[in-house]
Amino acid sequence: MYEYTTRGTCSTLIRFDLQDHRVRNVSFENGCNGNLKALSVLVEGMDGAELVKKLKGIQCKDRGTSCADQLARAVEGRLERNGKDPVKLA
């Protein structure tokens, strides 16, 4: 299980697993409970590179980021640390 401390969002922490480049078991601490539960369900089993492609850059209000963007950044960082280029995987 990976943990990512968010920046600029109401959620403060994201937990997730990556299994064969697929995102599993996403959970958020704090933030918009219903929306984040829905996001977690929607991305379950999604290819990590595809998640990054779809969610990176989404903004909430004028924050310059969002919980979805923070999840994308977390997954992207983990893929890179595992020696995988998220752009080439997509």
Protein backbone atom coordinates (compact mmCIF):
# COMPACT_ATOMS: atom_id res chain seq x y z
CA MET A 1 0.00 0.00 0.00
CA TYR A 2 1.38 3.36 -1.01
CA GLU A 3 0.63 6.62 0.79
CA TYR A 4 0.72 10.06 -0.78
CA THR A 5 0.38 13.28 1.20
CA THR A 6 -1.67 15.68 -0.88
CA ARG A 7 -1.03 19.36 -1.45
CA GLY A 8 -3.65 22.04 -2.06
CA THR A 9 -6.74 19.88 -1.53
CA CYS A 10 -9.25 19.16 1.20
CA SER A 11 -8.16 15.53 1.24
CA THR A 12 -4.89 15.14 3.12
CA LEU A 13 -3.74 11.61 2.26
CA ILE A 14 -4.28 9.08 -0.52
CA ARG A 15 -3.64 5.37 -0.12
CA PHE A 16 -3.54 2.96 -3.05
CA ASP A 17 -1.97 -0.20 -4.40
CA LEU A 18 -0.50 -0.86 -7.83
CA GLN A 19 -0.71 -4.45 -9.09
CA ASP A 20 0.62 -5.08 -12.59
CA HIS A 21 0.30 -1.32 -13.27
CA ARG A 22 -3.38 -1.40 -12.25
CA VAL A 23 -4.71 0.84 -9.49
CA ARG A 24 -6.35 -0.93 -6.56
CA ASN A 25 -7.77 -0.10 -3.14
CA VAL A 26 -7.82 3.71 -3.45
CA SER A 27 -8.88 5.57 -0.33
CA PHE A 28 -8.71 9.21 0.71
CA GLU A 29 -8.51 10.84 4.12
CA ASN A 30 -10.69 13.92 4.53
CA GLY A 31 -12.20 15.77 1.58
CA CYS A 32 -15.62 15.33 -0.06
CA ASN A 33 -16.52 11.89 1.22
CA GLY A 34 -19.13 10.90 -1.37
CA ASN A 35 -17.19 12.22 -4.36
CA LEU A 36 -13.97 10.58 -3.26
CA LYS A 37 -15.68 7.24 -2.64
CA ALA A 38 -17.12 7.48 -6.15
CA LEU A 39 -13.72 8.35 -7.63
CA SER A 40 -12.19 5.38 -5.81
CA VAL A 41 -14.79 3.01 -7.27
CA LEU A 42 -14.43 4.44 -10.78
CA VAL A 43 -10.64 4.03 -10.91
CA GLU A 44 -10.55 0.55 -9.32
CA GLY A 45 -8.63 -1.74 -11.68
CA MET A 46 -7.76 1.07 -14.10
CA ASP A 47 -4.37 1.01 -15.78
CA GLY A 48 -2.19 3.50 -13.91
CA ALA A 49 -0.94 5.27 -17.04
CA GLU A 50 -4.51 5.64 -18.31
CA LEU A 51 -5.55 7.11 -14.96
CA VAL A 52 -2.73 9.67 -15.18
CA LYS A 53 -3.72 10.55 -18.74
CA LYS A 54 -7.37 11.12 -17.77
CA LEU A 55 -7.07 12.80 -14.37
CA LYS A 56 -3.83 14.79 -14.36
CA GLY A 57 -4.49 18.52 -14.56
CA ILE A 58 -8.10 18.53 -13.37
CA GLN A 59 -8.59 21.54 -11.12
CA CYS A 60 -10.93 22.30 -8.23
CA LYS A 61 -11.90 25.96 -7.97
CA ASP A 62 -8.78 28.10 -8.30
CA ARG A 63 -6.44 25.77 -6.42
CA GLY A 64 -4.41 24.63 -9.41
CA THR A 65 -5.06 21.01 -8.45
CA SER A 66 -7.81 18.68 -7.25
CA CYS A 67 -8.14 15.37 -5.46
CA ALA A 68 -8.28 13.65 -8.86
CA ASP A 69 -5.14 15.50 -9.98
CA GLN A 70 -3.38 14.58 -6.73
CA LEU A 71 -4.28 10.92 -7.27
CA ALA A 72 -2.88 11.12 -10.81
CA ARG A 73 0.34 12.68 -9.49
CA ALA A 74 0.65 9.99 -6.83
CA VAL A 75 0.17 7.17 -9.33
CA GLU A 76 2.49 8.81 -11.84
CA GLY A 77 5.21 9.17 -9.22
CA ARG A 78 4.87 5.57 -8.13
CA LEU A 79 5.03 4.31 -11.73
CA GLU A 80 8.17 6.36 -12.30
CA ARG A 81 9.76 5.03 -9.10
CA ASN A 82 8.97 1.52 -10.27
CA GLY A 83 10.93 2.25 -13.45
CA LYS A 84 7.91 2.65 -15.70
CA ASP A 85 7.27 5.67 -17.90
CA PRO A 86 3.54 6.46 -17.53
CA VAL A 87 3.44 8.13 -20.94
CA LYS A 88 4.90 5.09 -22.69
CA LEU A 89 2.58 2.73 -20.81
CA ALA A 90 -0.59 4.49 -21.98
